[in-house]
Amino acid sequence: MSEAAPSPRLRYQRLAAARGRLLSAAAGRVPRASLAQQARTLALWDGRQATPGDEAQHALLLDLGVLDPVGGHLSGLERQARAAPPEPGSDEAAMLEALRRARFGLWRVLGPHPEGGARLAPLEEGEEVWVMDGFLGAAPAGALVAARLAWPAEFAMTCGVVAAADARLLERLLLDLPPQRGPVLPSRPAAGDAEAVAALLALPAARQRLRALLAEPGLAARTYRHALDLGLMGPVPGRTPPEAA
């Protein structure tokens, strides 16, 4: 009698453990020069070292260095794969291939999924996505997030980072605005943000521009920088006035 297939929750637990091991090992292989480049891109650099304000901002740096570096650097994930390739057929091997094919995008939270995690919809229109992720499973319906998703199984998984997004961020991307260099005041998406996003995407040209953006290299770095500039990721060291921190 054949063994029953593991439940999605059990499969997720095993793959999440493999993801953690892979990403931790790959983070250790990101050269200082690459980490410095990512930190400069996100304005989280004081001239000598990276200066993220908390774990979430540090995760943005590692997401770029490990999976999608700017500046022509080899990713930490590829360095890890070459130095210590996983055993074929293992959870690490499945997770490695999924991470290599991960897709960054802007997603609207639809609500919890009955089997765990969340239901997401790509902002540019498309099929609903099932993501096994506790944070997103608890997120309010209608929230807009930026995340890189990988598909190692019948469900998707985040790659370690979920950044808050809103209509202001989307507008900056659509207009290809440069990074902001002034003070950062912590903020949250405004009430009625979903309606503001819908208004931005009401024109076919805006939707076409969004689809083109999602195919451009460096989108994650630009998105993370706007999220930081807008205060959606909290106080930024050296840019947030003490009274606003």
C-alpha atoms as a PDB file:
ATOM      1  CA  MET A   1       0.000   0.000   0.000  1.00  0.00           C
ATOM      2  CA  SER A   2       1.526   3.292  -1.073  1.00  0.00           C
ATOM      3  CA  GLU A   3       2.106   6.115   1.403  1.00  0.00           C
ATOM      4  CA  ALA A   4      -0.323   8.992   1.397  1.00  0.00           C
ATOM      5  CA  ALA A   5       1.015  12.216  -0.070  1.00  0.00           C
ATOM      6  CA  PRO A   6       1.991  14.756   2.596  1.00  0.00           C
ATOM      7  CA  SER A   7      -0.566  17.451   3.305  1.00  0.00           C
ATOM      8  CA  PRO A   8       0.074  20.946   1.922  1.00  0.00           C
ATOM      9  CA  ARG A   9       0.851  22.187   5.448  1.00  0.00           C
ATOM     10  CA  LEU A  10       3.434  19.464   6.027  1.00  0.00           C
ATOM     11  CA  ARG A  11       4.914  19.991   2.570  1.00  0.00           C
ATOM     12  CA  TYR A  12       5.115  23.715   3.291  1.00  0.00           C
ATOM     13  CA  GLN A  13       6.867  23.153   6.626  1.00  0.00           C
ATOM     14  CA  ARG A  14       9.524  21.014   4.970  1.00  0.00           C
ATOM     15  CA  LEU A  15      10.018  23.431   2.089  1.00  0.00           C
ATOM     16  CA  ALA A  16      10.083  26.445   4.420  1.00  0.00           C
ATOM     17  CA  ALA A  17      12.878  24.795   6.400  1.00  0.00           C
ATOM     18  CA  ALA A  18      14.782  24.138   3.165  1.00  0.00           C
ATOM     19  CA  ARG A  19      14.181  27.718   2.061  1.00  0.00           C
ATOM     20  CA  GLY A  20      15.571  29.014   5.341  1.00  0.00           C
ATOM     21  CA  ARG A  21      18.709  26.891   5.046  1.00  0.00           C
ATOM     22  CA  LEU A  22      19.294  27.911   1.433  1.00  0.00           C
ATOM     23  CA  LEU A  23      18.730  31.623   1.950  1.00  0.00           C
ATOM     24  CA  SER A  24      20.865  31.720   5.098  1.00  0.00           C
ATOM     25  CA  ALA A  25      23.738  29.937   3.360  1.00  0.00           C
ATOM     26  CA  ALA A  26      23.394  32.135   0.259  1.00  0.00           C
ATOM     27  CA  ALA A  27      23.370  35.305   2.373  1.00  0.00           C
ATOM     28  CA  GLY A  28      26.732  34.270   3.762  1.00  0.00           C
ATOM     29  CA  ARG A  29      28.128  34.160   0.222  1.00  0.00           C
ATOM     30  CA  VAL A  30      27.100  37.705  -0.779  1.00  0.00           C
ATOM     31  CA  PRO A  31      30.394  39.640  -1.117  1.00  0.00           C
ATOM     32  CA  ARG A  32      30.805  42.888   0.773  1.00  0.00           C
ATOM     33  CA  ALA A  33      31.029  44.782  -2.534  1.00  0.00           C
ATOM     34  CA  SER A  34      27.624  43.475  -3.589  1.00  0.00           C
ATOM     35  CA  LEU A  35      26.043  44.154  -0.204  1.00  0.00           C
ATOM     36  CA  ALA A  36      27.414  47.701  -0.324  1.00  0.00           C
ATOM     37  CA  GLN A  37      25.920  48.193  -3.808  1.00  0.00           C
ATOM     38  CA  GLN A  38      22.500  47.022  -2.666  1.00  0.00           C
ATOM     39  CA  ALA A  39      22.679  49.223   0.436  1.00  0.00           C
ATOM     40  CA  ARG A  40      23.619  52.287  -1.639  1.00  0.00           C
ATOM     41  CA  THR A  41      20.753  51.586  -4.018  1.00  0.00           C
ATOM     42  CA  LEU A  42      18.314  51.560  -1.109  1.00  0.00           C
ATOM     43  CA  ALA A  43      19.983  54.529   0.668  1.00  0.00           C
ATOM     44  CA  LEU A  44      20.804  52.263   3.606  1.00  0.00           C
ATOM     45  CA  TRP A  45      24.541  53.007   3.577  1.00  0.00           C
ATOM     46  CA  ASP A  46      26.488  55.446   5.752  1.00  0.00           C
ATOM     47  CA  GLY A  47      29.687  55.412   3.709  1.00  0.00           C
ATOM     48  CA  ARG A  48      31.226  52.513   5.588  1.00  0.00           C
ATOM     49  CA  GLN A  49      28.525  49.939   6.213  1.00  0.00           C
ATOM     50  CA  ALA A  50      24.913  49.018   5.613  1.00  0.00           C
ATOM     51  CA  THR A  51      22.545  50.739   8.041  1.00  0.00           C
ATOM     52  CA  PRO A  52      19.097  49.088   7.917  1.00  0.00           C
ATOM     53  CA  GLY A  53      16.807  50.284  10.669  1.00  0.00           C
ATOM     54  CA  ASP A  54      15.299  46.898  11.509  1.00  0.00           C
ATOM     55  CA  GLU A  55      15.050  43.285  10.387  1.00  0.00           C
ATOM     56  CA  ALA A  56      12.535  44.111   7.649  1.00  0.00           C
ATOM     57  CA  GLN A  57      14.890  46.632   6.038  1.00  0.00           C
ATOM     58  CA  HIS A  58      17.799  44.212   6.417  1.00  0.00           C
ATOM     59  CA  ALA A  59      15.679  41.609   4.623  1.00  0.00           C
ATOM     60  CA  LEU A  60      15.316  43.994   1.662  1.00  0.00           C
ATOM     61  CA  LEU A  61      19.108  44.170   1.350  1.00  0.00           C
ATOM     62  CA  LEU A  62      19.457  40.407   1.503  1.00  0.00           C
ATOM     63  CA  ASP A  63      16.634  39.840  -0.990  1.00  0.00           C
ATOM     64  CA  LEU A  64      18.594  41.849  -3.550  1.00  0.00           C
ATOM     65  CA  GLY A  65      22.018  40.442  -2.709  1.00  0.00           C
ATOM     66  CA  VAL A  66      20.833  36.829  -2.589  1.00  0.00           C
ATOM     67  CA  LEU A  67      18.298  36.784  -5.419  1.00  0.00           C
ATOM     68  CA  ASP A  68      18.321  39.906  -7.589  1.00  0.00           C
ATOM     69  CA  PRO A  69      21.449  42.070  -7.185  1.00  0.00           C
ATOM     70  CA  VAL A  70      21.914  45.387  -8.926  1.00  0.00           C
ATOM     71  CA  GLY A  71      25.319  46.370 -10.260  1.00  0.00           C
ATOM     72  CA  GLY A  72      26.116  43.217 -12.233  1.00  0.00           C
ATOM     73  CA  HIS A  73      26.987  41.075  -9.198  1.00  0.00           C
ATOM     74  CA  LEU A  74      26.445  37.328  -9.178  1.00  0.00           C
ATOM     75  CA  SER A  75      23.609  36.477  -6.805  1.00  0.00           C
ATOM     76  CA  GLY A  76      24.325  34.827  -3.493  1.00  0.00           C
ATOM     77  CA  LEU A  77      21.948  32.017  -4.466  1.00  0.00           C
ATOM     78  CA  GLU A  78      24.001  31.145  -7.541  1.00  0.00           C
ATOM     79  CA  ARG A  79      27.212  31.300  -5.531  1.00  0.00           C
ATOM     80  CA  GLN A  80      25.696  28.880  -3.037  1.00  0.00           C
ATOM     81  CA  ALA A  81      24.402  26.553  -5.773  1.00  0.00           C
ATOM     82  CA  ARG A  82      27.863  26.334  -7.339  1.00  0.00           C
ATOM     83  CA  ALA A  83      29.680  25.869  -4.043  1.00  0.00           C
ATOM     84  CA  ALA A  84      27.289  23.352  -2.478  1.00  0.00           C
ATOM     85  CA  PRO A  85      24.750  21.966  -4.947  1.00  0.00           C
ATOM     86  CA  PRO A  86      21.849  20.233  -3.146  1.00  0.00           C
ATOM     87  CA  GLU A  87      21.196  16.523  -3.427  1.00  0.00           C
ATOM     88  CA  PRO A  88      18.938  15.780  -6.438  1.00  0.00           C
ATOM     89  CA  GLY A  89      15.370  15.087  -5.389  1.00  0.00           C
ATOM     90  CA  SER A  90      15.767  16.803  -2.008  1.00  0.00           C
ATOM     91  CA  ASP A  91      13.617  19.588  -0.637  1.00  0.00           C
ATOM     92  CA  GLU A  92      16.631  21.886  -1.053  1.00  0.00           C
ATOM     93  CA  ALA A  93      16.869  20.995  -4.741  1.00  0.00           C
ATOM     94  CA  ALA A  94      13.167  21.708  -5.277  1.00  0.00           C
ATOM     95  CA  MET A  95      13.444  24.990  -3.386  1.00  0.00           C
ATOM     96  CA  LEU A  96      16.595  26.033  -5.252  1.00  0.00           C
ATOM     97  CA  GLU A  97      14.920  25.661  -8.631  1.00  0.00           C
ATOM     98  CA  ALA A  98      11.829  27.492  -7.388  1.00  0.00           C
ATOM     99  CA  LEU A  99      13.929  30.374  -6.069  1.00  0.00           C
ATOM    100  CA  ARG A 100      15.781  30.587  -9.370  1.00  0.00           C
ATOM    101  CA  ARG A 101      12.440  31.054 -11.147  1.00  0.00           C
ATOM    102  CA  ALA A 102      10.901  33.337  -8.505  1.00  0.00           C
ATOM    103  CA  ARG A 103       8.657  36.130  -9.764  1.00  0.00           C
ATOM    104  CA  PHE A 104       8.621  39.613  -8.262  1.00  0.00           C
ATOM    105  CA  GLY A 105       5.406  41.569  -8.456  1.00  0.00           C
ATOM    106  CA  LEU A 106       2.758  43.739  -6.863  1.00  0.00           C
ATOM    107  CA  TRP A 107      -0.083  41.732  -5.364  1.00  0.00           C
ATOM    108  CA  ARG A 108      -3.504  42.491  -3.907  1.00  0.00           C
ATOM    109  CA  VAL A 109      -4.445  40.410  -0.843  1.00  0.00           C
ATOM    110  CA  LEU A 110      -7.845  38.798  -1.389  1.00  0.00           C
ATOM    111  CA  GLY A 111      -8.056  37.091   1.994  1.00  0.00           C
ATOM    112  CA  PRO A 112      -7.074  33.842   3.716  1.00  0.00           C
ATOM    113  CA  HIS A 113      -6.910  30.578   1.788  1.00  0.00           C
ATOM    114  CA  PRO A 114      -8.983  27.706   3.236  1.00  0.00           C
ATOM    115  CA  GLU A 115      -5.935  25.409   3.326  1.00  0.00           C
ATOM    116  CA  GLY A 116      -3.650  27.990   4.921  1.00  0.00           C
ATOM    117  CA  GLY A 117      -1.867  31.126   3.855  1.00  0.00           C
ATOM    118  CA  ALA A 118      -3.466  33.696   1.585  1.00  0.00           C
ATOM    119  CA  ARG A 119      -5.131  34.271  -1.743  1.00  0.00           C
ATOM    120  CA  LEU A 120      -3.401  36.930  -3.834  1.00  0.00           C
ATOM    121  CA  ALA A 121      -4.219  38.533  -7.160  1.00  0.00           C
ATOM    122  CA  PRO A 122      -1.518  40.039  -9.378  1.00  0.00           C
ATOM    123  CA  LEU A 123      -2.098  43.759  -9.731  1.00  0.00           C
ATOM    124  CA  GLU A 124      -1.595  43.602 -13.510  1.00  0.00           C
ATOM    125  CA  GLU A 125      -4.522  41.129 -13.761  1.00  0.00           C
ATOM    126  CA  GLY A 126      -4.171  37.387 -13.973  1.00  0.00           C
ATOM    127  CA  GLU A 127      -5.009  34.190 -12.144  1.00  0.00           C
ATOM    128  CA  GLU A 128      -5.409  34.093  -8.382  1.00  0.00           C
ATOM    129  CA  VAL A 129      -2.385  32.755  -6.492  1.00  0.00           C
ATOM    130  CA  TRP A 130      -2.349  30.576  -3.370  1.00  0.00           C
ATOM    131  CA  VAL A 131       0.547  31.571  -1.127  1.00  0.00           C
ATOM    132  CA  MET A 132       1.481  29.610   1.987  1.00  0.00           C
ATOM    133  CA  ASP A 133       2.579  32.435   4.273  1.00  0.00           C
ATOM    134  CA  GLY A 134       1.394  33.235   7.780  1.00  0.00           C
ATOM    135  CA  PHE A 135       2.000  36.981   7.511  1.00  0.00           C
ATOM    136  CA  LEU A 136      -0.032  37.312   4.328  1.00  0.00           C
ATOM    137  CA  GLY A 137      -2.682  34.986   5.692  1.00  0.00           C
ATOM    138  CA  ALA A 138      -3.293  37.522   8.459  1.00  0.00           C
ATOM    139  CA  ALA A 139      -3.089  40.592   6.207  1.00  0.00           C
ATOM    140  CA  PRO A 140      -6.331  42.534   5.639  1.00  0.00           C
ATOM    141  CA  ALA A 141      -8.165  41.915   2.399  1.00  0.00           C
ATOM    142  CA  GLY A 142      -7.414  44.659  -0.107  1.00  0.00           C
ATOM    143  CA  ALA A 143      -3.876  45.336   1.116  1.00  0.00           C
ATOM    144  CA  LEU A 144      -1.301  45.937  -1.627  1.00  0.00           C
ATOM    145  CA  VAL A 145       2.096  44.271  -1.171  1.00  0.00           C
ATOM    146  CA  ALA A 146       5.321  43.845  -3.116  1.00  0.00           C
ATOM    147  CA  ALA A 147       6.757  40.353  -2.915  1.00  0.00           C
ATOM    148  CA  ARG A 148       8.865  37.829  -4.770  1.00  0.00           C
ATOM    149  CA  LEU A 149       7.057  34.493  -5.046  1.00  0.00           C
ATOM    150  CA  ALA A 150       8.430  31.035  -5.776  1.00  0.00           C
ATOM    151  CA  TRP A 151       6.443  27.923  -6.741  1.00  0.00           C
ATOM    152  CA  PRO A 152       8.131  24.803  -5.298  1.00  0.00           C
ATOM    153  CA  ALA A 153       4.812  22.920  -5.050  1.00  0.00           C
ATOM    154  CA  GLU A 154       1.116  23.384  -5.806  1.00  0.00           C
ATOM    155  CA  PHE A 155       1.281  26.575  -3.753  1.00  0.00           C
ATOM    156  CA  ALA A 156       3.573  29.594  -3.869  1.00  0.00           C
ATOM    157  CA  MET A 157       5.911  30.778  -1.123  1.00  0.00           C
ATOM    158  CA  THR A 158       7.469  34.146  -0.433  1.00  0.00           C
ATOM    159  CA  CYS A 159      11.238  34.442  -0.689  1.00  0.00           C
ATOM    160  CA  GLY A 160      11.645  36.048   2.719  1.00  0.00           C
ATOM    161  CA  VAL A 161      10.415  39.591   1.995  1.00  0.00           C
ATOM    162  CA  VAL A 162       7.001  41.214   1.871  1.00  0.00           C
ATOM    163  CA  ALA A 163       7.064  45.003   1.483  1.00  0.00           C
ATOM    164  CA  ALA A 164       4.079  47.281   1.996  1.00  0.00           C
ATOM    165  CA  ALA A 165       2.935  49.172  -1.097  1.00  0.00           C
ATOM    166  CA  ASP A 166       0.259  51.721  -1.918  1.00  0.00           C
ATOM    167  CA  ALA A 167      -1.045  54.057  -4.623  1.00  0.00           C
ATOM    168  CA  ARG A 168       1.777  56.543  -4.025  1.00  0.00           C
ATOM    169  CA  LEU A 169       4.379  53.853  -4.681  1.00  0.00           C
ATOM    170  CA  LEU A 170       2.540  52.598  -7.749  1.00  0.00           C
ATOM    171  CA  GLU A 171       2.349  56.121  -9.167  1.00  0.00           C
ATOM    172  CA  ARG A 172       6.111  56.585  -8.709  1.00  0.00           C
ATOM    173  CA  LEU A 173       6.747  53.363 -10.603  1.00  0.00           C
ATOM    174  CA  LEU A 174       4.340  54.169 -13.421  1.00  0.00           C
ATOM    175  CA  LEU A 175       5.849  57.639 -13.873  1.00  0.00           C
ATOM    176  CA  ASP A 176       9.407  56.310 -13.501  1.00  0.00           C
ATOM    177  CA  LEU A 177      10.159  58.926 -10.852  1.00  0.00           C
ATOM    178  CA  PRO A 178      13.678  59.047  -9.381  1.00  0.00           C
ATOM    179  CA  PRO A 179      14.342  58.080  -5.763  1.00  0.00           C
ATOM    180  CA  GLN A 180      13.468  60.621  -3.097  1.00  0.00           C
ATOM    181  CA  ARG A 181      16.397  61.990  -1.104  1.00  0.00           C
ATOM    182  CA  GLY A 182      14.690  64.022   1.604  1.00  0.00           C
ATOM    183  CA  PRO A 183      13.518  63.083   5.094  1.00  0.00           C
ATOM    184  CA  VAL A 184      11.557  59.872   5.562  1.00  0.00           C
ATOM    185  CA  LEU A 185       8.399  60.099   7.661  1.00  0.00           C
ATOM    186  CA  PRO A 186       6.910  56.721   8.645  1.00  0.00           C
ATOM    187  CA  SER A 187       3.493  56.250   7.044  1.00  0.00           C
ATOM    188  CA  ARG A 188       0.858  53.704   6.166  1.00  0.00           C
ATOM    189  CA  PRO A 189      -1.403  53.354   3.128  1.00  0.00           C
ATOM    190  CA  ALA A 190      -4.243  55.865   3.351  1.00  0.00           C
ATOM    191  CA  ALA A 191      -7.872  54.899   3.802  1.00  0.00           C
ATOM    192  CA  GLY A 192      -9.350  54.309   0.383  1.00  0.00           C
ATOM    193  CA  ASP A 193      -6.009  53.264  -1.074  1.00  0.00           C
ATOM    194  CA  ALA A 194      -7.599  50.464  -3.111  1.00  0.00           C
ATOM    195  CA  GLU A 195      -9.797  53.043  -4.874  1.00  0.00           C
ATOM    196  CA  ALA A 196      -6.743  55.222  -5.546  1.00  0.00           C
ATOM    197  CA  VAL A 197      -4.905  52.250  -7.075  1.00  0.00           C
ATOM    198  CA  ALA A 198      -7.938  51.448  -9.238  1.00  0.00           C
ATOM    199  CA  ALA A 199      -8.046  55.039 -10.452  1.00  0.00           C
ATOM    200  CA  LEU A 200      -4.373  54.900 -11.438  1.00  0.00           C
ATOM    201  CA  LEU A 201      -4.945  51.743 -13.452  1.00  0.00           C
ATOM    202  CA  ALA A 202      -8.199  52.881 -15.057  1.00  0.00           C
ATOM    203  CA  LEU A 203      -6.459  53.841 -18.294  1.00  0.00           C
ATOM    204  CA  PRO A 204      -5.282  51.059 -20.653  1.00  0.00           C
ATOM    205  CA  ALA A 205      -1.948  52.878 -21.064  1.00  0.00           C
ATOM    206  CA  ALA A 206      -1.306  52.642 -17.321  1.00  0.00           C
ATOM    207  CA  ARG A 207      -2.043  48.916 -17.289  1.00  0.00           C
ATOM    208  CA  GLN A 208       0.218  48.447 -20.291  1.00  0.00           C
ATOM    209  CA  ARG A 209       2.990  50.369 -18.531  1.00  0.00           C
ATOM    210  CA  LEU A 210       2.568  48.191 -15.431  1.00  0.00           C
ATOM    211  CA  ARG A 211       2.925  45.010 -17.490  1.00  0.00           C
ATOM    212  CA  ALA A 212       6.071  46.413 -19.092  1.00  0.00           C
ATOM    213  CA  LEU A 213       7.489  47.357 -15.682  1.00  0.00           C
ATOM    214  CA  LEU A 214       7.120  43.810 -14.411  1.00  0.00           C
ATOM    215  CA  ALA A 215       9.383  42.597 -17.213  1.00  0.00           C
ATOM    216  CA  GLU A 216      12.125  45.162 -16.535  1.00  0.00           C
ATOM    217  CA  PRO A 217      15.275  44.267 -14.579  1.00  0.00           C
ATOM    218  CA  GLY A 218      15.769  46.038 -11.283  1.00  0.00           C
ATOM    219  CA  LEU A 219      12.075  46.480 -10.502  1.00  0.00           C
ATOM    220  CA  ALA A 220      12.410  45.010  -7.011  1.00  0.00           C
ATOM    221  CA  ALA A 221      15.196  47.440  -6.116  1.00  0.00           C
ATOM    222  CA  ARG A 222      13.175  50.417  -7.380  1.00  0.00           C
ATOM    223  CA  THR A 223      10.066  49.248  -5.545  1.00  0.00           C
ATOM    224  CA  TYR A 224      11.918  48.711  -2.268  1.00  0.00           C
ATOM    225  CA  ARG A 225      13.556  52.133  -2.545  1.00  0.00           C
ATOM    226  CA  HIS A 226      10.198  53.853  -3.046  1.00  0.00           C
ATOM    227  CA  ALA A 227       8.717  51.912  -0.121  1.00  0.00           C
ATOM    228  CA  LEU A 228      11.586  53.124   2.065  1.00  0.00           C
ATOM    229  CA  ASP A 229      11.394  56.706   0.781  1.00  0.00           C
ATOM    230  CA  LEU A 230       7.660  56.845   1.475  1.00  0.00           C
ATOM    231  CA  GLY A 231       8.072  55.572   5.024  1.00  0.00           C
ATOM    232  CA  LEU A 232       6.139  52.376   4.321  1.00  0.00           C
ATOM    233  CA  MET A 233       8.999  50.346   5.822  1.00  0.00           C
ATOM    234  CA  GLY A 234       9.265  52.491   8.951  1.00  0.00           C
ATOM    235  CA  PRO A 235      11.962  54.924  10.133  1.00  0.00           C
ATOM    236  CA  VAL A 236      15.176  54.985   8.080  1.00  0.00           C
ATOM    237  CA  PRO A 237      18.435  55.650   9.963  1.00  0.00           C
ATOM    238  CA  GLY A 238      19.919  59.013   9.046  1.00  0.00           C
ATOM    239  CA  ARG A 239      16.800  60.112   7.147  1.00  0.00           C
ATOM    240  CA  THR A 240      13.998  60.038   9.708  1.00  0.00           C
ATOM    241  CA  PRO A 241      13.961  62.995  12.135  1.00  0.00           C
ATOM    242  CA  PRO A 242      14.218  61.805  15.776  1.00  0.00           C
ATOM    243  CA  GLU A 243      10.831  63.315  16.639  1.00  0.00           C
ATOM    244  CA  ALA A 244       9.186  61.276  13.814  1.00  0.00           C
ATOM    245  CA  ALA A 245      10.896  57.954  14.548  1.00  0.00           C
END
